[in-house]
Amino acid sequence: MITILDIEQWNRKEHFDFFRKFEDPFFGATVTIDCSKAYAVSKQFGHSFFLYYLHKTVGAANMIEPFRYRISGDEIHIHDQIDVSATISRDDDTFGFSLVEYHPDFNVFAEKALIEIERVKNTPGLFTRTFDEDNLLHFSAVPWLDFTSLSHARNLTFPDSCPKISLGKMTISENGKRTMPLSVHVHHGLMDGFHLGQFIDCFQELMNR
């Protein structure tokens, strides 16, 4: 379901009008996430750690309303739910774009995700399906890099307001603490640093459960 945001009554109307005119209206940040508890829980129950933190990522994004905003022409649509398009690596070192529907129950989400991952792994090409809706997070895991910043290739002529979220290599400190870098890029016409901070805090809270 979609609700139309009343832009004229929105307290960020001026911000939206200003930033939407930029050639590149996205901004972002990279932070360090404590994943000690999440890793331990995922292994305790035999879950894929990738699917576990992917589920937490989409869950946090669904909790922060501006992450569910999308620009459609001169309107802003508020989606009831957003799903995730994650890059899936193949054995030949290529990747394809997936589409996994979000579900608050991890087991339901993981079941759907495993089917989609298997499909992408066994289908050549980058776009192995159509993407008819924009209620998506664009997600990528970069487990080879303990990055401190990250940029994205973008076609600036293509209208896009989907958040781009990436998680990097997990590292272990001398005291056993596990951390990962988290990069989040979002459309500045739809949200500010305050909302980005809300998402990061929410994600960390979910990872600590």
N, C-alpha and C. Protein backbone atom coordinates (compact mmCIF):
# COMPACT_ATOMS: atom_id res chain seq x y z
N MET A 1 0.84 -1.19 0.00
CA MET A 1 0.00 0.00 0.00
C MET A 1 0.88 1.25 0.00
N ILE A 2 0.35 2.30 -0.65
CA ILE A 2 1.08 3.56 -0.77
C ILE A 2 0.20 4.70 -0.27
N THR A 3 0.80 5.60 0.50
CA THR A 3 0.16 6.84 0.92
C THR A 3 0.91 8.00 0.27
N ILE A 4 0.19 9.03 -0.18
CA ILE A 4 0.81 10.19 -0.77
C ILE A 4 1.12 11.21 0.33
N LEU A 5 2.36 11.61 0.44
CA LEU A 5 2.74 12.61 1.43
C LEU A 5 2.22 13.98 1.02
N ASP A 6 1.62 14.70 1.94
CA ASP A 6 1.15 16.07 1.67
C ASP A 6 2.36 17.00 1.76
N ILE A 7 2.99 17.24 0.62
CA ILE A 7 4.23 18.02 0.60
C ILE A 7 3.99 19.45 1.06
N GLU A 8 2.84 20.02 0.72
CA GLU A 8 2.57 21.42 1.08
C GLU A 8 2.52 21.61 2.59
N GLN A 9 2.14 20.56 3.33
CA GLN A 9 2.07 20.66 4.79
C GLN A 9 3.29 20.05 5.47
N TRP A 10 4.24 19.60 4.70
CA TRP A 10 5.43 18.93 5.22
C TRP A 10 6.43 19.96 5.71
N ASN A 11 6.98 19.76 6.88
CA ASN A 11 7.94 20.73 7.41
C ASN A 11 9.29 20.68 6.69
N ARG A 12 9.47 19.72 5.80
CA ARG A 12 10.70 19.65 5.00
C ARG A 12 10.45 20.02 3.54
N LYS A 13 9.35 20.68 3.24
CA LYS A 13 9.03 21.03 1.86
C LYS A 13 10.16 21.81 1.19
N GLU A 14 10.68 22.81 1.91
CA GLU A 14 11.76 23.63 1.33
C GLU A 14 13.02 22.79 1.11
N HIS A 15 13.30 21.91 2.05
CA HIS A 15 14.46 21.03 1.91
C HIS A 15 14.31 20.13 0.69
N PHE A 16 13.11 19.57 0.54
CA PHE A 16 12.83 18.70 -0.61
C PHE A 16 12.99 19.45 -1.92
N ASP A 17 12.40 20.62 -2.01
CA ASP A 17 12.48 21.41 -3.25
C ASP A 17 13.92 21.79 -3.57
N PHE A 18 14.70 22.03 -2.54
CA PHE A 18 16.10 22.43 -2.75
C PHE A 18 16.96 21.26 -3.22
N PHE A 19 16.95 20.16 -2.47
CA PHE A 19 17.87 19.06 -2.75
C PHE A 19 17.47 18.23 -3.96
N ARG A 20 16.19 18.19 -4.30
CA ARG A 20 15.77 17.36 -5.43
C ARG A 20 16.30 17.89 -6.76
N LYS A 21 16.75 19.15 -6.78
CA LYS A 21 17.28 19.76 -8.01
C LYS A 21 18.75 19.44 -8.22
N PHE A 22 19.39 18.84 -7.24
CA PHE A 22 20.81 18.51 -7.36
C PHE A 22 21.02 17.39 -8.38
N GLU A 23 22.15 17.43 -9.08
CA GLU A 23 22.50 16.33 -9.98
C GLU A 23 22.71 15.05 -9.18
N ASP A 24 23.33 15.18 -8.02
CA ASP A 24 23.51 14.03 -7.13
C ASP A 24 23.01 14.43 -5.74
N PRO A 25 21.74 14.13 -5.43
CA PRO A 25 21.16 14.56 -4.16
C PRO A 25 21.42 13.59 -3.00
N PHE A 26 22.23 12.56 -3.23
CA PHE A 26 22.48 11.58 -2.17
C PHE A 26 23.62 12.04 -1.25
N PHE A 27 23.50 11.72 0.03
CA PHE A 27 24.58 11.90 0.97
C PHE A 27 24.67 10.64 1.81
N GLY A 28 25.79 10.46 2.51
CA GLY A 28 25.92 9.23 3.28
C GLY A 28 26.97 9.32 4.35
N ALA A 29 27.08 8.24 5.08
CA ALA A 29 28.06 8.13 6.16
C ALA A 29 28.45 6.68 6.33
N THR A 30 29.64 6.48 6.89
CA THR A 30 30.12 5.15 7.21
C THR A 30 30.41 5.09 8.71
N VAL A 31 29.87 4.09 9.38
CA VAL A 31 30.07 3.94 10.82
C VAL A 31 30.46 2.50 11.12
N THR A 32 30.90 2.27 12.33
CA THR A 32 31.28 0.93 12.78
C THR A 32 30.16 0.35 13.64
N ILE A 33 29.74 -0.85 13.29
CA ILE A 33 28.67 -1.54 14.00
C ILE A 33 29.23 -2.69 14.82
N ASP A 34 28.79 -2.79 16.06
CA ASP A 34 29.15 -3.93 16.91
C ASP A 34 28.23 -5.10 16.54
N CYS A 35 28.82 -6.15 16.01
CA CYS A 35 28.02 -7.30 15.57
C CYS A 35 28.29 -8.54 16.42
N SER A 36 28.89 -8.35 17.61
CA SER A 36 29.25 -9.49 18.46
C SER A 36 28.04 -10.33 18.83
N LYS A 37 26.99 -9.68 19.33
CA LYS A 37 25.79 -10.39 19.77
C LYS A 37 25.08 -11.03 18.58
N ALA A 38 24.94 -10.28 17.48
CA ALA A 38 24.23 -10.80 16.31
C ALA A 38 24.93 -12.02 15.74
N TYR A 39 26.27 -11.98 15.68
CA TYR A 39 27.01 -13.13 15.16
C TYR A 39 26.82 -14.34 16.05
N ALA A 40 26.90 -14.12 17.37
CA ALA A 40 26.75 -15.23 18.30
C ALA A 40 25.37 -15.85 18.22
N VAL A 41 24.34 -15.02 18.12
CA VAL A 41 22.96 -15.52 18.05
C VAL A 41 22.75 -16.29 16.75
N SER A 42 23.25 -15.73 15.65
CA SER A 42 23.05 -16.41 14.36
C SER A 42 23.71 -17.78 14.35
N LYS A 43 24.88 -17.89 14.93
CA LYS A 43 25.57 -19.17 14.97
C LYS A 43 24.93 -20.13 15.97
N GLN A 44 24.41 -19.58 17.06
CA GLN A 44 23.74 -20.43 18.06
C GLN A 44 22.56 -21.16 17.46
N PHE A 45 21.83 -20.48 16.58
CA PHE A 45 20.63 -21.08 15.99
C PHE A 45 20.87 -21.62 14.58
N GLY A 46 22.12 -21.60 14.14
CA GLY A 46 22.45 -22.18 12.84
C GLY A 46 21.99 -21.35 11.66
N HIS A 47 21.85 -20.03 11.86
CA HIS A 47 21.42 -19.16 10.77
C HIS A 47 22.61 -18.65 9.96
N SER A 48 22.35 -18.32 8.71
CA SER A 48 23.33 -17.60 7.91
C SER A 48 23.52 -16.21 8.51
N PHE A 49 24.76 -15.83 8.80
CA PHE A 49 25.00 -14.51 9.36
C PHE A 49 24.62 -13.42 8.36
N PHE A 50 24.90 -13.67 7.08
CA PHE A 50 24.52 -12.70 6.04
C PHE A 50 23.02 -12.45 6.06
N LEU A 51 22.22 -13.51 6.06
CA LEU A 51 20.77 -13.33 6.07
C LEU A 51 20.29 -12.71 7.38
N TYR A 52 21.01 -13.00 8.47
CA TYR A 52 20.62 -12.47 9.77
C TYR A 52 20.78 -10.95 9.79
N TYR A 53 21.94 -10.47 9.35
CA TYR A 53 22.12 -9.01 9.38
C TYR A 53 21.37 -8.32 8.24
N LEU A 54 21.11 -9.03 7.14
CA LEU A 54 20.28 -8.46 6.09
C LEU A 54 18.86 -8.22 6.61
N HIS A 55 18.35 -9.19 7.34
CA HIS A 55 17.00 -9.06 7.92
C HIS A 55 16.95 -7.89 8.91
N LYS A 56 17.98 -7.71 9.72
CA LYS A 56 18.04 -6.59 10.66
C LYS A 56 18.10 -5.26 9.90
N THR A 57 18.81 -5.24 8.80
CA THR A 57 18.93 -4.02 8.01
C THR A 57 17.58 -3.58 7.46
N VAL A 58 16.85 -4.51 6.85
CA VAL A 58 15.55 -4.16 6.26
C VAL A 58 14.55 -3.86 7.37
N GLY A 59 14.65 -4.58 8.48
CA GLY A 59 13.76 -4.31 9.60
C GLY A 59 13.93 -2.90 10.14
N ALA A 60 15.20 -2.46 10.30
CA ALA A 60 15.45 -1.10 10.79
C ALA A 60 14.95 -0.06 9.80
N ALA A 61 15.16 -0.30 8.51
CA ALA A 61 14.70 0.65 7.50
C ALA A 61 13.18 0.79 7.50
N ASN A 62 12.49 -0.30 7.73
CA ASN A 62 11.03 -0.23 7.77
C ASN A 62 10.53 0.54 8.99
N MET A 63 11.34 0.59 10.05
CA MET A 63 10.93 1.29 11.27
C MET A 63 11.11 2.80 11.18
N ILE A 64 11.98 3.27 10.28
CA ILE A 64 12.26 4.70 10.15
C ILE A 64 11.51 5.21 8.93
N GLU A 65 10.43 5.97 9.15
CA GLU A 65 9.50 6.32 8.06
C GLU A 65 10.16 6.92 6.83
N PRO A 66 11.08 7.89 6.94
CA PRO A 66 11.66 8.46 5.72
C PRO A 66 12.38 7.44 4.84
N PHE A 67 12.80 6.31 5.41
CA PHE A 67 13.42 5.27 4.60
C PHE A 67 12.39 4.57 3.71
N ARG A 68 11.11 4.84 3.98
CA ARG A 68 10.04 4.27 3.14
C ARG A 68 9.46 5.31 2.17
N TYR A 69 10.09 6.49 2.12
CA TYR A 69 9.66 7.51 1.16
C TYR A 69 10.33 7.25 -0.19
N ARG A 70 9.56 7.45 -1.27
CA ARG A 70 10.12 7.38 -2.61
C ARG A 70 9.52 8.51 -3.46
N ILE A 71 10.36 9.10 -4.29
CA ILE A 71 9.91 10.18 -5.17
C ILE A 71 9.32 9.59 -6.43
N SER A 72 8.13 10.04 -6.78
CA SER A 72 7.47 9.61 -8.01
C SER A 72 6.95 10.85 -8.72
N GLY A 73 7.68 11.34 -9.71
CA GLY A 73 7.30 12.59 -10.37
C GLY A 73 7.39 13.74 -9.38
N ASP A 74 6.28 14.43 -9.19
CA ASP A 74 6.23 15.53 -8.22
C ASP A 74 5.65 15.09 -6.89
N GLU A 75 5.43 13.79 -6.72
CA GLU A 75 4.85 13.27 -5.48
C GLU A 75 5.91 12.52 -4.66
N ILE A 76 5.60 12.38 -3.39
CA ILE A 76 6.38 11.50 -2.53
C ILE A 76 5.45 10.41 -2.03
N HIS A 77 5.80 9.18 -2.34
CA HIS A 77 5.01 8.03 -1.91
C HIS A 77 5.58 7.48 -0.61
N ILE A 78 4.70 7.16 0.32
CA ILE A 78 5.09 6.50 1.56
C ILE A 78 4.63 5.06 1.47
N HIS A 79 5.56 4.15 1.37
CA HIS A 79 5.23 2.73 1.27
C HIS A 79 4.99 2.15 2.66
N ASP A 80 4.00 1.28 2.75
CA ASP A 80 3.76 0.57 4.01
C ASP A 80 4.92 -0.35 4.36
N GLN A 81 5.56 -0.89 3.32
CA GLN A 81 6.66 -1.82 3.53
C GLN A 81 7.67 -1.68 2.42
N ILE A 82 8.93 -1.80 2.77
CA ILE A 82 9.97 -1.86 1.76
C ILE A 82 10.66 -3.22 1.83
N ASP A 83 11.08 -3.68 0.66
CA ASP A 83 11.77 -4.96 0.54
C ASP A 83 13.23 -4.69 0.20
N VAL A 84 13.97 -5.69 -0.20
CA VAL A 84 15.40 -5.48 -0.42
C VAL A 84 15.86 -6.13 -1.72
N SER A 85 16.68 -5.38 -2.45
CA SER A 85 17.39 -5.93 -3.60
C SER A 85 18.86 -5.99 -3.22
N ALA A 86 19.32 -7.20 -2.95
CA ALA A 86 20.72 -7.41 -2.54
C ALA A 86 21.52 -8.00 -3.68
N THR A 87 22.78 -7.62 -3.78
CA THR A 87 23.65 -8.23 -4.78
C THR A 87 24.04 -9.62 -4.28
N ILE A 88 23.95 -10.60 -5.18
CA ILE A 88 24.25 -11.99 -4.84
C ILE A 88 25.44 -12.47 -5.68
N SER A 89 26.50 -12.90 -5.01
CA SER A 89 27.70 -13.35 -5.69
C SER A 89 27.52 -14.77 -6.24
N ARG A 90 28.20 -15.01 -7.37
CA ARG A 90 28.19 -16.34 -7.99
C ARG A 90 29.58 -16.94 -7.95
N ASP A 91 29.67 -18.23 -8.25
CA ASP A 91 30.95 -18.93 -8.23
C ASP A 91 31.90 -18.43 -9.30
N ASP A 92 31.37 -17.78 -10.36
CA ASP A 92 32.24 -17.27 -11.43
C ASP A 92 32.69 -15.83 -11.16
N ASP A 93 32.48 -15.35 -9.93
CA ASP A 93 32.91 -14.02 -9.50
C ASP A 93 32.09 -12.89 -10.10
N THR A 94 30.93 -13.20 -10.66
CA THR A 94 29.99 -12.16 -11.06
C THR A 94 28.91 -12.06 -9.98
N PHE A 95 27.99 -11.15 -10.18
CA PHE A 95 26.86 -11.05 -9.25
C PHE A 95 25.61 -10.65 -10.00
N GLY A 96 24.48 -10.89 -9.36
CA GLY A 96 23.19 -10.49 -9.92
C GLY A 96 22.36 -9.82 -8.86
N PHE A 97 21.38 -9.05 -9.29
CA PHE A 97 20.49 -8.35 -8.36
C PHE A 97 19.32 -9.27 -7.97
N SER A 98 19.05 -9.33 -6.68
CA SER A 98 17.96 -10.16 -6.18
C SER A 98 16.81 -9.27 -5.73
N LEU A 99 15.71 -9.91 -5.38
CA LEU A 99 14.57 -9.21 -4.78
C LEU A 99 13.98 -10.13 -3.71
N VAL A 100 14.06 -9.69 -2.46
CA VAL A 100 13.56 -10.48 -1.34
C VAL A 100 12.52 -9.67 -0.59
N GLU A 101 11.33 -10.22 -0.45
CA GLU A 101 10.26 -9.56 0.28
C GLU A 101 10.55 -9.59 1.78
N TYR A 102 10.35 -8.47 2.43
CA TYR A 102 10.59 -8.41 3.87
C TYR A 102 9.45 -9.10 4.62
N HIS A 103 9.82 -9.76 5.71
CA HIS A 103 8.84 -10.29 6.66
C HIS A 103 9.44 -10.15 8.04
N PRO A 104 8.68 -9.67 9.04
CA PRO A 104 9.25 -9.48 10.37
C PRO A 104 9.75 -10.76 11.03
N ASP A 105 9.21 -11.90 10.64
CA ASP A 105 9.68 -13.19 11.15
C ASP A 105 10.92 -13.60 10.36
N PHE A 106 12.05 -13.73 11.05
CA PHE A 106 13.30 -14.05 10.35
C PHE A 106 13.21 -15.35 9.57
N ASN A 107 12.61 -16.37 10.14
CA ASN A 107 12.55 -17.67 9.47
C ASN A 107 11.79 -17.60 8.16
N VAL A 108 10.71 -16.82 8.13
CA VAL A 108 9.94 -16.65 6.89
C VAL A 108 10.78 -15.88 5.87
N PHE A 109 11.43 -14.81 6.33
CA PHE A 109 12.29 -14.01 5.46
C PHE A 109 13.42 -14.86 4.88
N ALA A 110 14.09 -15.64 5.74
CA ALA A 110 15.22 -16.44 5.31
C ALA A 110 14.82 -17.50 4.30
N GLU A 111 13.64 -18.09 4.49
CA GLU A 111 13.16 -19.10 3.55
C GLU A 111 12.99 -18.51 2.16
N LYS A 112 12.38 -17.33 2.09
CA LYS A 112 12.21 -16.65 0.80
C LYS A 112 13.56 -16.26 0.21
N ALA A 113 14.45 -15.76 1.07
CA ALA A 113 15.75 -15.29 0.61
C ALA A 113 16.58 -16.43 0.02
N LEU A 114 16.56 -17.59 0.65
CA LEU A 114 17.35 -18.72 0.17
C LEU A 114 16.88 -19.18 -1.21
N ILE A 115 15.59 -19.13 -1.44
CA ILE A 115 15.05 -19.50 -2.76
C ILE A 115 15.52 -18.50 -3.81
N GLU A 116 15.46 -17.21 -3.46
CA GLU A 116 15.88 -16.17 -4.40
C GLU A 116 17.38 -16.21 -4.65
N ILE A 117 18.17 -16.46 -3.62
CA ILE A 117 19.62 -16.55 -3.78
C ILE A 117 19.98 -17.70 -4.71
N GLU A 118 19.35 -18.83 -4.51
CA GLU A 118 19.61 -19.99 -5.38
C GLU A 118 19.25 -19.68 -6.82
N ARG A 119 18.14 -18.98 -7.02
CA ARG A 119 17.72 -18.61 -8.38
C ARG A 119 18.74 -17.70 -9.05
N VAL A 120 19.21 -16.67 -8.33
CA VAL A 120 20.17 -15.74 -8.90
C VAL A 120 21.50 -16.42 -9.17
N LYS A 121 21.94 -17.29 -8.27
CA LYS A 121 23.21 -17.99 -8.45
C LYS A 121 23.21 -18.86 -9.71
N ASN A 122 22.03 -19.33 -10.09
CA ASN A 122 21.93 -20.23 -11.24
C ASN A 122 21.33 -19.56 -12.47
N THR A 123 21.31 -18.23 -12.47
CA THR A 123 20.81 -17.48 -13.61
C THR A 123 21.87 -16.46 -14.02
N PRO A 124 22.36 -16.51 -15.27
CA PRO A 124 23.42 -15.58 -15.66
C PRO A 124 22.88 -14.16 -15.86
N GLY A 125 23.78 -13.21 -15.80
CA GLY A 125 23.41 -11.83 -16.07
C GLY A 125 23.26 -11.01 -14.80
N LEU A 126 23.17 -9.70 -15.00
CA LEU A 126 23.04 -8.78 -13.88
C LEU A 126 21.58 -8.64 -13.44
N PHE A 127 20.71 -8.37 -14.42
CA PHE A 127 19.28 -8.26 -14.13
C PHE A 127 18.61 -9.58 -14.50
N THR A 128 18.30 -10.38 -13.50
CA THR A 128 17.72 -11.69 -13.75
C THR A 128 16.21 -11.68 -13.55
N ARG A 129 15.64 -10.50 -13.33
CA ARG A 129 14.21 -10.34 -13.13
C ARG A 129 13.86 -8.88 -13.35
N THR A 130 12.59 -8.56 -13.39
CA THR A 130 12.16 -7.18 -13.49
C THR A 130 11.99 -6.60 -12.08
N PHE A 131 12.12 -5.30 -11.98
CA PHE A 131 11.90 -4.58 -10.74
C PHE A 131 10.82 -3.53 -11.02
N ASP A 132 9.58 -3.93 -10.75
CA ASP A 132 8.44 -3.10 -11.12
C ASP A 132 8.12 -2.02 -10.10
N GLU A 133 8.58 -2.19 -8.88
CA GLU A 133 8.29 -1.23 -7.81
C GLU A 133 9.60 -0.67 -7.25
N ASP A 134 9.51 0.50 -6.63
CA ASP A 134 10.70 1.11 -6.06
C ASP A 134 10.70 1.08 -4.53
N ASN A 135 9.85 0.24 -3.95
CA ASN A 135 9.84 0.11 -2.48
C ASN A 135 10.96 -0.83 -2.06
N LEU A 136 12.20 -0.41 -2.37
CA LEU A 136 13.36 -1.27 -2.19
C LEU A 136 14.48 -0.55 -1.44
N LEU A 137 15.27 -1.34 -0.75
CA LEU A 137 16.61 -0.96 -0.35
C LEU A 137 17.57 -1.58 -1.37
N HIS A 138 18.57 -0.84 -1.80
CA HIS A 138 19.65 -1.40 -2.60
C HIS A 138 20.76 -1.79 -1.63
N PHE A 139 21.03 -3.07 -1.55
CA PHE A 139 21.94 -3.59 -0.52
C PHE A 139 23.08 -4.36 -1.15
N SER A 140 24.27 -4.20 -0.56
CA SER A 140 25.41 -5.00 -0.99
C SER A 140 26.27 -5.35 0.22
N ALA A 141 26.77 -6.56 0.22
CA ALA A 141 27.74 -7.00 1.21
C ALA A 141 29.11 -6.98 0.55
N VAL A 142 30.09 -6.41 1.26
CA VAL A 142 31.46 -6.33 0.73
C VAL A 142 32.38 -6.98 1.78
N PRO A 143 32.29 -8.30 1.92
CA PRO A 143 32.98 -8.99 3.02
C PRO A 143 34.49 -9.04 2.88
N TRP A 144 35.02 -8.53 1.77
CA TRP A 144 36.46 -8.55 1.56
C TRP A 144 37.14 -7.28 2.08
N LEU A 145 36.34 -6.25 2.43
CA LEU A 145 36.91 -4.95 2.76
C LEU A 145 36.44 -4.44 4.12
N ASP A 146 37.38 -4.06 4.94
CA ASP A 146 37.08 -3.34 6.18
C ASP A 146 37.15 -1.85 5.84
N PHE A 147 36.17 -1.39 5.07
CA PHE A 147 36.24 -0.04 4.52
C PHE A 147 35.92 1.03 5.56
N THR A 148 36.43 2.23 5.30
CA THR A 148 36.12 3.39 6.15
C THR A 148 35.28 4.41 5.39
N SER A 149 35.09 4.20 4.10
CA SER A 149 34.16 4.99 3.30
C SER A 149 33.83 4.17 2.06
N LEU A 150 32.76 4.55 1.40
CA LEU A 150 32.31 3.78 0.24
C LEU A 150 31.53 4.69 -0.69
N SER A 151 31.77 4.58 -1.99
CA SER A 151 31.00 5.34 -2.97
C SER A 151 30.25 4.36 -3.87
N HIS A 152 29.26 4.88 -4.60
CA HIS A 152 28.44 4.03 -5.46
C HIS A 152 28.43 4.57 -6.88
N ALA A 153 28.47 3.66 -7.85
CA ALA A 153 28.26 4.05 -9.24
C ALA A 153 26.78 4.38 -9.42
N ARG A 154 26.49 5.56 -9.99
CA ARG A 154 25.10 5.98 -10.16
C ARG A 154 24.91 6.63 -11.52
N ASN A 155 23.80 6.34 -12.15
CA ASN A 155 23.38 7.02 -13.37
C ASN A 155 22.58 8.25 -12.94
N LEU A 156 23.18 9.42 -13.03
CA LEU A 156 22.56 10.63 -12.51
C LEU A 156 21.37 11.09 -13.34
N THR A 157 21.18 10.50 -14.53
CA THR A 157 20.03 10.86 -15.34
C THR A 157 18.81 9.98 -15.03
N PHE A 158 19.03 8.93 -14.23
CA PHE A 158 17.94 8.01 -13.90
C PHE A 158 17.34 8.39 -12.56
N PRO A 159 16.02 8.63 -12.51
CA PRO A 159 15.41 9.02 -11.23
C PRO A 159 15.50 7.88 -10.21
N ASP A 160 16.05 8.19 -9.06
CA ASP A 160 16.30 7.15 -8.06
C ASP A 160 16.27 7.80 -6.69
N SER A 161 15.49 7.22 -5.78
CA SER A 161 15.47 7.73 -4.40
C SER A 161 15.57 6.60 -3.38
N CYS A 162 16.03 5.43 -3.82
CA CYS A 162 16.16 4.27 -2.93
C CYS A 162 17.45 4.36 -2.12
N PRO A 163 17.38 4.14 -0.82
CA PRO A 163 18.60 4.11 0.00
C PRO A 163 19.54 3.00 -0.47
N LYS A 164 20.85 3.26 -0.33
CA LYS A 164 21.88 2.28 -0.67
C LYS A 164 22.66 1.96 0.61
N ILE A 165 22.64 0.69 0.99
CA ILE A 165 23.24 0.27 2.25
C ILE A 165 24.23 -0.87 1.98
N SER A 166 25.41 -0.74 2.59
CA SER A 166 26.44 -1.77 2.41
C SER A 166 27.07 -2.10 3.76
N LEU A 167 27.41 -3.36 3.93
CA LEU A 167 28.15 -3.82 5.11
C LEU A 167 29.42 -4.51 4.64
N GLY A 168 30.51 -4.29 5.39
CA GLY A 168 31.81 -4.79 4.97
C GLY A 168 32.31 -5.97 5.76
N LYS A 169 33.61 -6.10 5.82
CA LYS A 169 34.29 -7.24 6.43
C LYS A 169 34.15 -7.20 7.95
N MET A 170 33.84 -8.34 8.54
CA MET A 170 33.81 -8.45 9.99
C MET A 170 35.22 -8.64 10.51
N THR A 171 35.59 -7.84 11.52
CA THR A 171 36.90 -7.98 12.13
C THR A 171 36.72 -8.27 13.63
N ILE A 172 37.73 -8.90 14.21
CA ILE A 172 37.69 -9.29 15.62
C ILE A 172 38.84 -8.63 16.35
N SER A 173 38.54 -7.89 17.41
CA SER A 173 39.57 -7.23 18.20
C SER A 173 40.21 -8.22 19.16
N GLU A 174 41.25 -7.78 19.88
CA GLU A 174 41.96 -8.66 20.80
C GLU A 174 41.06 -9.16 21.93
N ASN A 175 40.06 -8.36 22.30
CA ASN A 175 39.16 -8.78 23.38
C ASN A 175 37.96 -9.59 22.88
N GLY A 176 37.97 -9.93 21.57
CA GLY A 176 36.93 -10.77 21.01
C GLY A 176 35.73 -10.02 20.46
N LYS A 177 35.73 -8.69 20.52
CA LYS A 177 34.62 -7.91 19.99
C LYS A 177 34.64 -7.96 18.47
N ARG A 178 33.47 -8.20 17.89
CA ARG A 178 33.32 -8.27 16.43
C ARG A 178 32.66 -7.00 15.92
N THR A 179 33.24 -6.41 14.88
CA THR A 179 32.69 -5.19 14.31
C THR A 179 32.64 -5.29 12.78
N MET A 180 31.78 -4.46 12.19
CA MET A 180 31.66 -4.38 10.74
C MET A 180 31.44 -2.92 10.35
N PRO A 181 31.96 -2.48 9.20
CA PRO A 181 31.64 -1.14 8.72
C PRO A 181 30.27 -1.14 8.04
N LEU A 182 29.50 -0.10 8.29
CA LEU A 182 28.19 0.09 7.68
C LEU A 182 28.18 1.39 6.92
N SER A 183 27.84 1.34 5.64
CA SER A 183 27.73 2.53 4.80
C SER A 183 26.27 2.72 4.41
N VAL A 184 25.77 3.94 4.58
CA VAL A 184 24.38 4.25 4.23
C VAL A 184 24.36 5.53 3.40
N HIS A 185 23.78 5.45 2.20
CA HIS A 185 23.58 6.63 1.34
C HIS A 185 22.09 6.80 1.10
N VAL A 186 21.62 8.04 1.28
CA VAL A 186 20.18 8.33 1.18
C VAL A 186 19.97 9.64 0.43
N HIS A 187 18.73 9.82 -0.06
CA HIS A 187 18.36 11.02 -0.81
C HIS A 187 18.12 12.17 0.16
N HIS A 188 18.88 13.26 -0.01
CA HIS A 188 18.80 14.38 0.94
C HIS A 188 17.47 15.14 0.82
N GLY A 189 16.75 14.97 -0.28
CA GLY A 189 15.44 15.57 -0.39
C GLY A 189 14.41 14.90 0.50
N LEU A 190 14.69 13.65 0.90
CA LEU A 190 13.74 12.87 1.69
C LEU A 190 14.10 12.80 3.16
N MET A 191 15.35 13.03 3.49
CA MET A 191 15.75 12.93 4.90
C MET A 191 17.06 13.64 5.13
N ASP A 192 17.38 13.80 6.41
CA ASP A 192 18.59 14.51 6.83
C ASP A 192 19.45 13.60 7.71
N GLY A 193 20.52 14.19 8.25
CA GLY A 193 21.41 13.43 9.11
C GLY A 193 20.72 12.88 10.34
N PHE A 194 19.72 13.60 10.84
CA PHE A 194 18.95 13.14 11.99
C PHE A 194 18.31 11.79 11.72
N HIS A 195 17.70 11.65 10.55
CA HIS A 195 17.02 10.39 10.20
C HIS A 195 18.04 9.28 9.94
N LEU A 196 19.18 9.66 9.36
CA LEU A 196 20.24 8.68 9.15
C LEU A 196 20.72 8.14 10.49
N GLY A 197 20.85 9.05 11.47
CA GLY A 197 21.24 8.62 12.81
C GLY A 197 20.21 7.71 13.44
N GLN A 198 18.93 8.01 13.21
CA GLN A 198 17.87 7.15 13.74
C GLN A 198 17.99 5.74 13.19
N PHE A 199 18.25 5.63 11.90
CA PHE A 199 18.38 4.31 11.29
C PHE A 199 19.56 3.55 11.88
N ILE A 200 20.71 4.21 12.00
CA ILE A 200 21.90 3.54 12.52
C ILE A 200 21.68 3.09 13.96
N ASP A 201 21.07 3.93 14.78
CA ASP A 201 20.79 3.54 16.16
C ASP A 201 19.83 2.36 16.22
N CYS A 202 18.81 2.39 15.37
CA CYS A 202 17.83 1.31 15.34
C CYS A 202 18.48 0.00 14.88
N PHE A 203 19.31 0.08 13.86
CA PHE A 203 20.00 -1.11 13.36
C PHE A 203 20.90 -1.71 14.44
N GLN A 204 21.66 -0.86 15.13
CA GLN A 204 22.53 -1.36 16.19
C GLN A 204 21.72 -2.00 17.30
N GLU A 205 20.58 -1.40 17.64
CA GLU A 205 19.73 -1.98 18.68
C GLU A 205 19.23 -3.36 18.28
N LEU A 206 18.82 -3.51 17.02
CA LEU A 206 18.35 -4.81 16.55
C LEU A 206 19.48 -5.84 16.54
N MET A 207 20.70 -5.40 16.21
CA MET A 207 21.84 -6.31 16.19
C MET A 207 22.22 -6.74 17.61
N ASN A 208 21.83 -5.96 18.60
CA ASN A 208 22.19 -6.28 19.99
C ASN A 208 21.19 -7.21 20.66
N ARG A 209 20.09 -7.52 19.98
CA ARG A 209 19.06 -8.34 20.63
C ARG A 209 19.42 -9.82 20.59
